[in-house]
Amino acid sequence: MQGDTLLPLYASGRRNFDEVLAKNLSGGDDPATVAKVILAAATDKNPKLRRTAGSTAAGISAFHRVLPARIFDRIVRKFNRMPN
């Protein structure tokens, strides 16, 4: 959804966000995989605090566990075309 009045100052950031979002949505994990994890979480008698759904989330979670926060943050920012 676009705002009523688009400010030119944010045009570049908005364009980057739209491109990254489209790329991530087209290459994301299968919705059925995510649905299975949600169902398991909702019906688990001993629920886990966190769950990952799909290979993308598993990879991000692994990086988050092993990399220092500063480096992980830099990678996420670069992947999402965000300023440092």
PDB file of N, CA and C in Angstrom:
ATOM      1  N   MET A   1       0.848  -1.166   0.000  1.00  0.00           N
ATOM      2  CA  MET A   1       0.000   0.000   0.000  1.00  0.00           C
ATOM      3  C   MET A   1       0.901   1.239   0.000  1.00  0.00           C
ATOM      4  N   GLN A   2       0.589   2.173  -0.812  1.00  0.00           N
ATOM      5  CA  GLN A   2       1.330   3.426  -0.900  1.00  0.00           C
ATOM      6  C   GLN A   2       0.599   4.516  -0.125  1.00  0.00           C
ATOM      7  N   GLY A   3       1.376   5.421   0.417  1.00  0.00           N
ATOM      8  CA  GLY A   3       0.791   6.557   1.108  1.00  0.00           C
ATOM      9  C   GLY A   3       0.147   7.532   0.138  1.00  0.00           C
ATOM     10  N   ASP A   4      -0.650   8.444   0.667  1.00  0.00           N
ATOM     11  CA  ASP A   4      -1.323   9.433  -0.173  1.00  0.00           C
ATOM     12  C   ASP A   4      -0.332  10.402  -0.806  1.00  0.00           C
ATOM     13  N   THR A   5       0.642  10.847  -0.016  1.00  0.00           N
ATOM     14  CA  THR A   5       1.636  11.797  -0.507  1.00  0.00           C
ATOM     15  C   THR A   5       3.017  11.186  -0.318  1.00  0.00           C
ATOM     16  N   LEU A   6       3.657  10.813  -1.419  1.00  0.00           N
ATOM     17  CA  LEU A   6       4.986  10.214  -1.349  1.00  0.00           C
ATOM     18  C   LEU A   6       6.038  11.315  -1.318  1.00  0.00           C
ATOM     19  N   LEU A   7       6.924  11.239  -0.345  1.00  0.00           N
ATOM     20  CA  LEU A   7       7.981  12.233  -0.224  1.00  0.00           C
ATOM     21  C   LEU A   7       9.197  11.801  -1.042  1.00  0.00           C
ATOM     22  N   PRO A   8       9.691  12.673  -1.922  1.00  0.00           N
ATOM     23  CA  PRO A   8      10.835  12.330  -2.769  1.00  0.00           C
ATOM     24  C   PRO A   8      12.071  11.922  -1.954  1.00  0.00           C
ATOM     25  N   LEU A   9      12.203  12.450  -0.749  1.00  0.00           N
ATOM     26  CA  LEU A   9      13.345  12.140   0.107  1.00  0.00           C
ATOM     27  C   LEU A   9      13.469  10.642   0.351  1.00  0.00           C
ATOM     28  N   TYR A  10      12.338   9.931   0.419  1.00  0.00           N
ATOM     29  CA  TYR A  10      12.342   8.511   0.740  1.00  0.00           C
ATOM     30  C   TYR A  10      12.189   7.611  -0.489  1.00  0.00           C
ATOM     31  N   ALA A  11      12.219   8.179  -1.688  1.00  0.00           N
ATOM     32  CA  ALA A  11      11.989   7.403  -2.911  1.00  0.00           C
ATOM     33  C   ALA A  11      13.007   6.277  -3.078  1.00  0.00           C
ATOM     34  N   SER A  12      14.274   6.556  -2.852  1.00  0.00           N
ATOM     35  CA  SER A  12      15.320   5.550  -3.015  1.00  0.00           C
ATOM     36  C   SER A  12      15.141   4.411  -2.006  1.00  0.00           C
ATOM     37  N   GLY A  13      14.904   4.740  -0.754  1.00  0.00           N
ATOM     38  CA  GLY A  13      14.691   3.722   0.272  1.00  0.00           C
ATOM     39  C   GLY A  13      13.459   2.891   0.002  1.00  0.00           C
ATOM     40  N   ARG A  14      12.396   3.542  -0.455  1.00  0.00           N
ATOM     41  CA  ARG A  14      11.156   2.844  -0.767  1.00  0.00           C
ATOM     42  C   ARG A  14      11.382   1.872  -1.928  1.00  0.00           C
ATOM     43  N   ARG A  15      12.129   2.315  -2.948  1.00  0.00           N
ATOM     44  CA  ARG A  15      12.414   1.466  -4.107  1.00  0.00           C
ATOM     45  C   ARG A  15      13.242   0.242  -3.677  1.00  0.00           C
ATOM     46  N   ASN A  16      14.276   0.468  -2.845  1.00  0.00           N
ATOM     47  CA  ASN A  16      15.084  -0.651  -2.342  1.00  0.00           C
ATOM     48  C   ASN A  16      14.228  -1.633  -1.565  1.00  0.00           C
ATOM     49  N   PHE A  17      13.390  -1.119  -0.674  1.00  0.00           N
ATOM     50  CA  PHE A  17      12.530  -1.980   0.140  1.00  0.00           C
ATOM     51  C   PHE A  17      11.619  -2.817  -0.747  1.00  0.00           C
ATOM     52  N   ASP A  18      11.009  -2.188  -1.743  1.00  0.00           N
ATOM     53  CA  ASP A  18      10.105  -2.912  -2.641  1.00  0.00           C
ATOM     54  C   ASP A  18      10.833  -4.027  -3.387  1.00  0.00           C
ATOM     55  N   GLU A  19      12.070  -3.757  -3.853  1.00  0.00           N
ATOM     56  CA  GLU A  19      12.851  -4.762  -4.578  1.00  0.00           C
ATOM     57  C   GLU A  19      13.240  -5.924  -3.667  1.00  0.00           C
ATOM     58  N   VAL A  20      13.715  -5.608  -2.464  1.00  0.00           N
ATOM     59  CA  VAL A  20      14.116  -6.659  -1.516  1.00  0.00           C
ATOM     60  C   VAL A  20      12.911  -7.496  -1.117  1.00  0.00           C
ATOM     61  N   LEU A  21      11.784  -6.857  -0.851  1.00  0.00           N
ATOM     62  CA  LEU A  21      10.575  -7.579  -0.468  1.00  0.00           C
ATOM     63  C   LEU A  21      10.122  -8.507  -1.589  1.00  0.00           C
ATOM     64  N   ALA A  22      10.114  -8.022  -2.822  1.00  0.00           N
ATOM     65  CA  ALA A  22       9.691  -8.853  -3.958  1.00  0.00           C
ATOM     66  C   ALA A  22      10.629 -10.051  -4.125  1.00  0.00           C
ATOM     67  N   LYS A  23      11.928  -9.828  -3.989  1.00  0.00           N
ATOM     68  CA  LYS A  23      12.907 -10.915  -4.106  1.00  0.00           C
ATOM     69  C   LYS A  23      12.688 -11.955  -3.012  1.00  0.00           C
ATOM     70  N   ASN A  24      12.506 -11.501  -1.779  1.00  0.00           N
ATOM     71  CA  ASN A  24      12.331 -12.431  -0.659  1.00  0.00           C
ATOM     72  C   ASN A  24      11.015 -13.194  -0.749  1.00  0.00           C
ATOM     73  N   LEU A  25       9.972 -12.555  -1.208  1.00  0.00           N
ATOM     74  CA  LEU A  25       8.682 -13.237  -1.339  1.00  0.00           C
ATOM     75  C   LEU A  25       8.702 -14.273  -2.454  1.00  0.00           C
ATOM     76  N   SER A  26       9.426 -13.996  -3.534  1.00  0.00           N
ATOM     77  CA  SER A  26       9.458 -14.941  -4.651  1.00  0.00           C
ATOM     78  C   SER A  26      10.359 -16.139  -4.364  1.00  0.00           C
ATOM     79  N   GLY A  27      11.355 -15.981  -3.491  1.00  0.00           N
ATOM     80  CA  GLY A  27      12.285 -17.077  -3.233  1.00  0.00           C
ATOM     81  C   GLY A  27      12.194 -17.620  -1.826  1.00  0.00           C
ATOM     82  N   GLY A  28      11.092 -17.363  -1.149  1.00  0.00           N
ATOM     83  CA  GLY A  28      10.946 -17.788   0.240  1.00  0.00           C
ATOM     84  C   GLY A  28      10.640 -19.274   0.371  1.00  0.00           C
ATOM     85  N   ASP A  29      10.569 -19.710   1.610  1.00  0.00           N
ATOM     86  CA  ASP A  29      10.254 -21.107   1.890  1.00  0.00           C
ATOM     87  C   ASP A  29       8.792 -21.407   1.563  1.00  0.00           C
ATOM     88  N   ASP A  30       8.513 -22.672   1.365  1.00  0.00           N
ATOM     89  CA  ASP A  30       7.166 -23.130   1.037  1.00  0.00           C
ATOM     90  C   ASP A  30       6.207 -22.803   2.184  1.00  0.00           C
ATOM     91  N   PRO A  31       5.085 -22.168   1.913  1.00  0.00           N
ATOM     92  CA  PRO A  31       4.120 -21.844   2.964  1.00  0.00           C
ATOM     93  C   PRO A  31       3.659 -23.065   3.758  1.00  0.00           C
ATOM     94  N   ALA A  32       3.612 -24.234   3.120  1.00  0.00           N
ATOM     95  CA  ALA A  32       3.198 -25.456   3.822  1.00  0.00           C
ATOM     96  C   ALA A  32       4.187 -25.803   4.932  1.00  0.00           C
ATOM     97  N   THR A  33       5.474 -25.543   4.706  1.00  0.00           N
ATOM     98  CA  THR A  33       6.493 -25.784   5.728  1.00  0.00           C
ATOM     99  C   THR A  33       6.247 -24.895   6.936  1.00  0.00           C
ATOM    100  N   VAL A  34       5.977 -23.636   6.672  1.00  0.00           N
ATOM    101  CA  VAL A  34       5.700 -22.684   7.757  1.00  0.00           C
ATOM    102  C   VAL A  34       4.415 -23.081   8.484  1.00  0.00           C
ATOM    103  N   ALA A  35       3.402 -23.489   7.750  1.00  0.00           N
ATOM    104  CA  ALA A  35       2.132 -23.894   8.365  1.00  0.00           C
ATOM    105  C   ALA A  35       2.315 -25.094   9.290  1.00  0.00           C
ATOM    106  N   LYS A  36       3.140 -26.054   8.887  1.00  0.00           N
ATOM    107  CA  LYS A  36       3.399 -27.220   9.742  1.00  0.00           C
ATOM    108  C   LYS A  36       4.046 -26.810  11.058  1.00  0.00           C
ATOM    109  N   VAL A  37       4.979 -25.878  10.998  1.00  0.00           N
ATOM    110  CA  VAL A  37       5.649 -25.418  12.215  1.00  0.00           C
ATOM    111  C   VAL A  37       4.663 -24.672  13.113  1.00  0.00           C
ATOM    112  N   ILE A  38       3.807 -23.864  12.523  1.00  0.00           N
ATOM    113  CA  ILE A  38       2.794 -23.140  13.305  1.00  0.00           C
ATOM    114  C   ILE A  38       1.834 -24.126  13.969  1.00  0.00           C
ATOM    115  N   LEU A  39       1.398 -25.135  13.223  1.00  0.00           N
ATOM    116  CA  LEU A  39       0.506 -26.149  13.786  1.00  0.00           C
ATOM    117  C   LEU A  39       1.175 -26.903  14.933  1.00  0.00           C
ATOM    118  N   ALA A  40       2.434 -27.273  14.748  1.00  0.00           N
ATOM    119  CA  ALA A  40       3.163 -27.971  15.808  1.00  0.00           C
ATOM    120  C   ALA A  40       3.297 -27.087  17.048  1.00  0.00           C
ATOM    121  N   ALA A  41       3.555 -25.819  16.848  1.00  0.00           N
ATOM    122  CA  ALA A  41       3.695 -24.891  17.980  1.00  0.00           C
ATOM    123  C   ALA A  41       2.370 -24.725  18.711  1.00  0.00           C
ATOM    124  N   ALA A  42       1.293 -24.688  17.978  1.00  0.00           N
ATOM    125  CA  ALA A  42      -0.023 -24.477  18.589  1.00  0.00           C
ATOM    126  C   ALA A  42      -0.529 -25.700  19.337  1.00  0.00           C
ATOM    127  N   THR A  43      -0.071 -26.879  18.932  1.00  0.00           N
ATOM    128  CA  THR A  43      -0.589 -28.106  19.543  1.00  0.00           C
ATOM    129  C   THR A  43       0.405 -28.817  20.451  1.00  0.00           C
ATOM    130  N   ASP A  44       1.610 -28.298  20.593  1.00  0.00           N
ATOM    131  CA  ASP A  44       2.651 -28.917  21.416  1.00  0.00           C
ATOM    132  C   ASP A  44       2.301 -28.811  22.899  1.00  0.00           C
ATOM    133  N   LYS A  45       2.386 -29.927  23.620  1.00  0.00           N
ATOM    134  CA  LYS A  45       2.088 -29.920  25.056  1.00  0.00           C
ATOM    135  C   LYS A  45       3.193 -29.217  25.846  1.00  0.00           C
ATOM    136  N   ASN A  46       4.419 -29.248  25.343  1.00  0.00           N
ATOM    137  CA  ASN A  46       5.560 -28.557  25.949  1.00  0.00           C
ATOM    138  C   ASN A  46       6.150 -27.600  24.911  1.00  0.00           C
ATOM    139  N   PRO A  47       5.523 -26.452  24.720  1.00  0.00           N
ATOM    140  CA  PRO A  47       5.951 -25.558  23.635  1.00  0.00           C
ATOM    141  C   PRO A  47       7.367 -25.006  23.840  1.00  0.00           C
ATOM    142  N   LYS A  48       8.055 -24.867  22.735  1.00  0.00           N
ATOM    143  CA  LYS A  48       9.386 -24.269  22.735  1.00  0.00           C
ATOM    144  C   LYS A  48       9.237 -22.757  22.700  1.00  0.00           C
ATOM    145  N   LEU A  49      10.257 -22.068  23.206  1.00  0.00           N
ATOM    146  CA  LEU A  49      10.237 -20.615  23.196  1.00  0.00           C
ATOM    147  C   LEU A  49      10.374 -20.074  21.774  1.00  0.00           C
ATOM    148  N   ARG A  50      11.219 -20.731  20.969  1.00  0.00           N
ATOM    149  CA  ARG A  50      11.435 -20.300  19.584  1.00  0.00           C
ATOM    150  C   ARG A  50      11.413 -21.501  18.649  1.00  0.00           C
ATOM    151  N   ARG A  51      10.977 -21.257  17.436  1.00  0.00           N
ATOM    152  CA  ARG A  51      10.984 -22.285  16.392  1.00  0.00           C
ATOM    153  C   ARG A  51      11.429 -21.642  15.092  1.00  0.00           C
ATOM    154  N   THR A  52      12.025 -22.428  14.236  1.00  0.00           N
ATOM    155  CA  THR A  52      12.372 -21.944  12.910  1.00  0.00           C
ATOM    156  C   THR A  52      11.556 -22.726  11.894  1.00  0.00           C
ATOM    157  N   ALA A  53      11.160 -22.058  10.845  1.00  0.00           N
ATOM    158  CA  ALA A  53      10.343 -22.682   9.814  1.00  0.00           C
ATOM    159  C   ALA A  53      11.036 -22.542   8.467  1.00  0.00           C
ATOM    160  N   GLY A  54      11.604 -23.621   7.976  1.00  0.00           N
ATOM    161  CA  GLY A  54      12.224 -23.611   6.665  1.00  0.00           C
ATOM    162  C   GLY A  54      13.717 -23.368   6.702  1.00  0.00           C
ATOM    163  N   SER A  55      14.335 -23.582   5.562  1.00  0.00           N
ATOM    164  CA  SER A  55      15.789 -23.486   5.470  1.00  0.00           C
ATOM    165  C   SER A  55      16.292 -22.052   5.611  1.00  0.00           C
ATOM    166  N   THR A  56      15.541 -21.089   5.148  1.00  0.00           N
ATOM    167  CA  THR A  56      15.967 -19.692   5.268  1.00  0.00           C
ATOM    168  C   THR A  56      16.058 -19.286   6.733  1.00  0.00           C
ATOM    169  N   ALA A  57      15.024 -19.582   7.495  1.00  0.00           N
ATOM    170  CA  ALA A  57      15.018 -19.237   8.921  1.00  0.00           C
ATOM    171  C   ALA A  57      16.082 -20.010   9.675  1.00  0.00           C
ATOM    172  N   ALA A  58      16.299 -21.271   9.316  1.00  0.00           N
ATOM    173  CA  ALA A  58      17.315 -22.078   9.987  1.00  0.00           C
ATOM    174  C   ALA A  58      18.707 -21.498   9.747  1.00  0.00           C
ATOM    175  N   GLY A  59      18.975 -21.071   8.524  1.00  0.00           N
ATOM    176  CA  GLY A  59      20.274 -20.470   8.210  1.00  0.00           C
ATOM    177  C   GLY A  59      20.499 -19.173   8.956  1.00  0.00           C
ATOM    178  N   ILE A  60      19.487 -18.332   8.990  1.00  0.00           N
ATOM    179  CA  ILE A  60      19.595 -17.058   9.707  1.00  0.00           C
ATOM    180  C   ILE A  60      19.799 -17.307  11.195  1.00  0.00           C
ATOM    181  N   SER A  61      19.086 -18.266  11.750  1.00  0.00           N
ATOM    182  CA  SER A  61      19.212 -18.592  13.167  1.00  0.00           C
ATOM    183  C   SER A  61      20.620 -19.088  13.492  1.00  0.00           C
ATOM    184  N   ALA A  62      21.171 -19.925  12.615  1.00  0.00           N
ATOM    185  CA  ALA A  62      22.534 -20.436  12.832  1.00  0.00           C
ATOM    186  C   ALA A  62      23.547 -19.297  12.811  1.00  0.00           C
ATOM    187  N   PHE A  63      23.440 -18.412  11.828  1.00  0.00           N
ATOM    188  CA  PHE A  63      24.345 -17.258  11.776  1.00  0.00           C
ATOM    189  C   PHE A  63      24.215 -16.406  13.030  1.00  0.00           C
ATOM    190  N   HIS A  64      23.001 -16.213  13.476  1.00  0.00           N
ATOM    191  CA  HIS A  64      22.757 -15.375  14.649  1.00  0.00           C
ATOM    192  C   HIS A  64      23.406 -15.969  15.901  1.00  0.00           C
ATOM    193  N   ARG A  65      23.418 -17.295  15.985  1.00  0.00           N
ATOM    194  CA  ARG A  65      24.018 -17.964  17.146  1.00  0.00           C
ATOM    195  C   ARG A  65      25.543 -17.894  17.149  1.00  0.00           C
ATOM    196  N   VAL A  66      26.172 -17.987  15.978  1.00  0.00           N
ATOM    197  CA  VAL A  66      27.630 -18.119  15.945  1.00  0.00           C
ATOM    198  C   VAL A  66      28.373 -16.823  15.667  1.00  0.00           C
ATOM    199  N   LEU A  67      27.721 -15.863  15.051  1.00  0.00           N
ATOM    200  CA  LEU A  67      28.415 -14.613  14.712  1.00  0.00           C
ATOM    201  C   LEU A  67      28.258 -13.578  15.823  1.00  0.00           C
ATOM    202  N   PRO A  68      29.283 -12.755  16.016  1.00  0.00           N
ATOM    203  CA  PRO A  68      29.105 -11.622  16.933  1.00  0.00           C
ATOM    204  C   PRO A  68      27.974 -10.726  16.419  1.00  0.00           C
ATOM    205  N   ALA A  69      27.262 -10.099  17.334  1.00  0.00           N
ATOM    206  CA  ALA A  69      26.080  -9.291  16.984  1.00  0.00           C
ATOM    207  C   ALA A  69      26.415  -8.219  15.955  1.00  0.00           C
ATOM    208  N   ARG A  70      27.549  -7.573  16.088  1.00  0.00           N
ATOM    209  CA  ARG A  70      27.933  -6.496  15.170  1.00  0.00           C
ATOM    210  C   ARG A  70      28.063  -7.008  13.741  1.00  0.00           C
ATOM    211  N   ILE A  71      28.676  -8.171  13.573  1.00  0.00           N
ATOM    212  CA  ILE A  71      28.871  -8.740  12.233  1.00  0.00           C
ATOM    213  C   ILE A  71      27.544  -9.248  11.672  1.00  0.00           C
ATOM    214  N   PHE A  72      26.757  -9.925  12.497  1.00  0.00           N
ATOM    215  CA  PHE A  72      25.444 -10.408  12.050  1.00  0.00           C
ATOM    216  C   PHE A  72      24.582  -9.238  11.592  1.00  0.00           C
ATOM    217  N   ASP A  73      24.577  -8.175  12.377  1.00  0.00           N
ATOM    218  CA  ASP A  73      23.799  -6.988  12.043  1.00  0.00           C
ATOM    219  C   ASP A  73      24.258  -6.383  10.725  1.00  0.00           C
ATOM    220  N   ARG A  74      25.558  -6.335  10.507  1.00  0.00           N
ATOM    221  CA  ARG A  74      26.105  -5.781   9.263  1.00  0.00           C
ATOM    222  C   ARG A  74      25.660  -6.623   8.059  1.00  0.00           C
ATOM    223  N   ILE A  75      25.663  -7.947   8.205  1.00  0.00           N
ATOM    224  CA  ILE A  75      25.236  -8.834   7.116  1.00  0.00           C
ATOM    225  C   ILE A  75      23.753  -8.632   6.806  1.00  0.00           C
ATOM    226  N   VAL A  76      22.931  -8.564   7.844  1.00  0.00           N
ATOM    227  CA  VAL A  76      21.492  -8.365   7.643  1.00  0.00           C
ATOM    228  C   VAL A  76      21.231  -7.027   6.961  1.00  0.00           C
ATOM    229  N   ARG A  77      21.944  -5.994   7.397  1.00  0.00           N
ATOM    230  CA  ARG A  77      21.769  -4.675   6.784  1.00  0.00           C
ATOM    231  C   ARG A  77      22.184  -4.691   5.315  1.00  0.00           C
ATOM    232  N   LYS A  78      23.300  -5.357   5.004  1.00  0.00           N
ATOM    233  CA  LYS A  78      23.764  -5.406   3.614  1.00  0.00           C
ATOM    234  C   LYS A  78      22.764  -6.191   2.753  1.00  0.00           C
ATOM    235  N   PHE A  79      22.293  -7.331   3.255  1.00  0.00           N
ATOM    236  CA  PHE A  79      21.338  -8.154   2.516  1.00  0.00           C
ATOM    237  C   PHE A  79      20.060  -7.392   2.215  1.00  0.00           C
ATOM    238  N   ASN A  80      19.633  -6.566   3.151  1.00  0.00           N
ATOM    239  CA  ASN A  80      18.400  -5.786   3.009  1.00  0.00           C
ATOM    240  C   ASN A  80      18.632  -4.384   2.461  1.00  0.00           C
ATOM    241  N   ARG A  81      19.856  -4.142   1.981  1.00  0.00           N
ATOM    242  CA  ARG A  81      20.231  -2.847   1.379  1.00  0.00           C
ATOM    243  C   ARG A  81      19.940  -1.682   2.307  1.00  0.00           C
ATOM    244  N   MET A  82      20.260  -1.846   3.574  1.00  0.00           N
ATOM    245  CA  MET A  82      20.058  -0.780   4.553  1.00  0.00           C
ATOM    246  C   MET A  82      21.381  -0.052   4.794  1.00  0.00           C
ATOM    247  N   PRO A  83      21.328   1.209   5.193  1.00  0.00           N
ATOM    248  CA  PRO A  83      22.588   1.931   5.457  1.00  0.00           C
ATOM    249  C   PRO A  83      23.282   1.348   6.684  1.00  0.00           C
ATOM    250  N   ASN A  84      24.604   1.503   6.722  1.00  0.00           N
ATOM    251  CA  ASN A  84      25.369   1.006   7.869  1.00  0.00           C
ATOM    252  C   ASN A  84      25.155   1.841   9.044  1.00  0.00           C
TER     253      ASN A  84
END
